[in-house]
Structures are given as structure tokens and as C-alpha cells.
Protein backbone atom coordinates (compact mmCIF):
# COMPACT_ATOMS: atom_id res chain seq x y z
CA MET A 1 162.92 58.30 80.52
CA GLY A 2 161.92 55.76 83.11
CA GLY A 3 162.81 52.32 84.22
CA ASN A 4 160.78 49.30 85.06
CA GLN A 5 161.34 46.29 87.24
CA ASN A 6 159.18 43.21 86.93
CA GLU A 7 159.28 40.65 89.67
CA LYS A 8 157.59 37.31 89.23
CA SER A 9 156.67 35.43 92.33
CA GLY A 10 156.99 31.69 92.67
CA LYS A 11 153.18 31.36 92.79
CA GLY A 12 151.53 31.23 89.39
CA SER A 13 151.88 34.17 87.04
CA GLN A 14 151.65 37.05 89.51
CA SER A 15 154.04 39.89 88.81
CA GLN A 16 154.84 43.16 90.49
CA SER A 17 156.19 46.16 88.63
CA TYR A 18 158.37 48.93 90.09
CA ASP A 19 159.05 52.10 88.14
CA PHE A 20 161.55 54.87 88.57
CA THR A 21 161.89 58.19 86.80
CA LEU A 22 164.95 60.24 86.04
CA PHE A 23 165.08 63.90 85.18
CA PRO A 24 166.12 66.05 83.43
CA ASN A 25 166.70 63.99 80.32
CA PRO A 26 168.95 64.93 78.66
CA ALA A 27 171.03 66.04 81.64
CA GLN A 28 174.05 68.33 81.77
CA HIS A 29 175.36 68.77 85.33
CA SER A 30 173.24 66.41 87.42
CA VAL A 31 170.43 63.91 87.13
CA ASN A 32 167.72 63.09 89.68
CA PHE A 33 166.16 59.68 90.25
CA ASP A 34 162.69 59.36 91.76
CA LEU A 35 162.95 56.03 93.59
CA HIS A 36 159.93 56.35 95.89
CA GLN A 37 158.69 52.84 95.05
CA PHE A 38 161.96 51.42 96.43
CA MET A 39 161.73 53.11 99.85
CA GLY A 40 162.91 50.86 102.68
CA GLN A 41 164.42 48.32 100.30
CA GLU A 42 167.96 47.21 99.53
CA ILE A 43 168.96 48.44 96.06
CA ASP A 44 171.92 49.17 93.80
CA VAL A 45 171.80 52.05 91.30
CA THR A 46 174.24 51.81 88.37
CA ILE A 47 174.89 54.12 85.40
CA TYR A 48 176.83 52.62 82.50
CA ASN A 49 177.54 53.29 78.83
CA PRO A 50 176.52 51.13 75.83
CA LEU A 51 179.82 49.22 76.11
CA GLY A 52 179.03 48.24 79.71
CA LYS A 53 181.59 50.52 81.39
CA VAL A 54 180.26 51.55 84.81
CA PHE A 55 180.43 55.30 85.55
CA PHE A 56 178.43 55.36 88.79
CA LYS A 57 177.34 52.73 91.29
CA GLN A 58 175.78 53.19 94.71
CA HIS A 59 174.41 50.60 97.12
CA PHE A 60 171.64 51.30 99.63
CA ASP A 61 171.00 48.79 102.44
CA ASP A 62 167.71 50.51 103.26
CA LEU A 63 166.72 53.35 100.89
CA GLU A 64 165.65 56.28 103.10
CA LYS A 65 165.22 59.10 100.56
CA GLU A 66 162.99 58.88 97.52
CA LEU A 67 165.07 61.33 95.47
CA LEU A 68 168.67 60.52 94.51
CA ARG A 69 170.78 63.23 92.87
CA VAL A 70 173.88 62.24 90.91
CA ASP A 71 176.37 64.93 89.87
CA LEU A 72 177.64 64.33 86.36
CA ASP A 73 181.35 65.10 86.45
CA ALA A 74 182.23 66.42 82.97
CA ALA A 75 185.59 64.62 83.05
CA LYS A 76 183.86 61.31 83.71
CA PHE A 77 180.54 61.65 81.85
CA ARG A 78 181.12 62.66 78.25
CA ASP A 79 178.22 63.55 75.93
CA GLY A 80 176.42 60.42 74.87
CA MET A 81 173.90 57.82 75.85
CA TYR A 82 173.94 56.07 79.22
CA PHE A 83 171.86 53.29 80.73
CA VAL A 84 170.55 53.01 84.27
CA SER A 85 170.00 49.86 86.28
CA VAL A 86 168.17 49.62 89.60
CA LEU A 87 168.67 46.23 91.22
CA ARG A 88 166.47 45.24 94.14
CA GLN A 89 167.36 42.18 96.21
CA GLY A 90 169.01 40.46 93.26
CA LYS A 91 166.30 41.42 90.77
CA GLY A 92 166.80 43.95 87.95
CA SER A 93 165.16 47.10 86.69
């Protein structure tokens, strides 16, 4: 499963796309995010359920590592589907 961020500039119809990957999917104990396209940028990573309840949120002023590992605490993360959001400078992914 991957994510995609489209950013439209104020000039014409140019757009820039940023992808991230997460693995393994499905995950049991931890999940890894490959965020190499966001290196050096300010981002927020959020994991939430279909009802919008946030289970994980982390802010990076200047992303220094391309791989983010999130431990999935069994008491917090029950079996089910979760969504991931990567926000970069006020724009969404």
C-alpha cells in the first residue's frame, strides 16, 4: 500500500507528486514507512481508523531519516483497517 501527495503550484497546471510506501501490509507488530521523498522537509505522519480516531501522530521539523518505524501496540491498534496521512507544509498525502 502506498500514499500519494499531489501539489499544484500557483503557475498553470504544474503538479508535483510525492509517494511513500509502507510495509509490511498487513502488519502485526510494527510498520515501516519509506519517506525518502520527504527528506529535509517538515511533515506530519498520522495513522487513524475509518472513524477518524487518531492512533499515532508524529511531527518532523526536518525529516532526517528516510525510514520511519512505528510499533503497533496491541492494546492500542486492534485488528482492522487504518489510514495513513503524510502532510507536508500544509499539503496532504
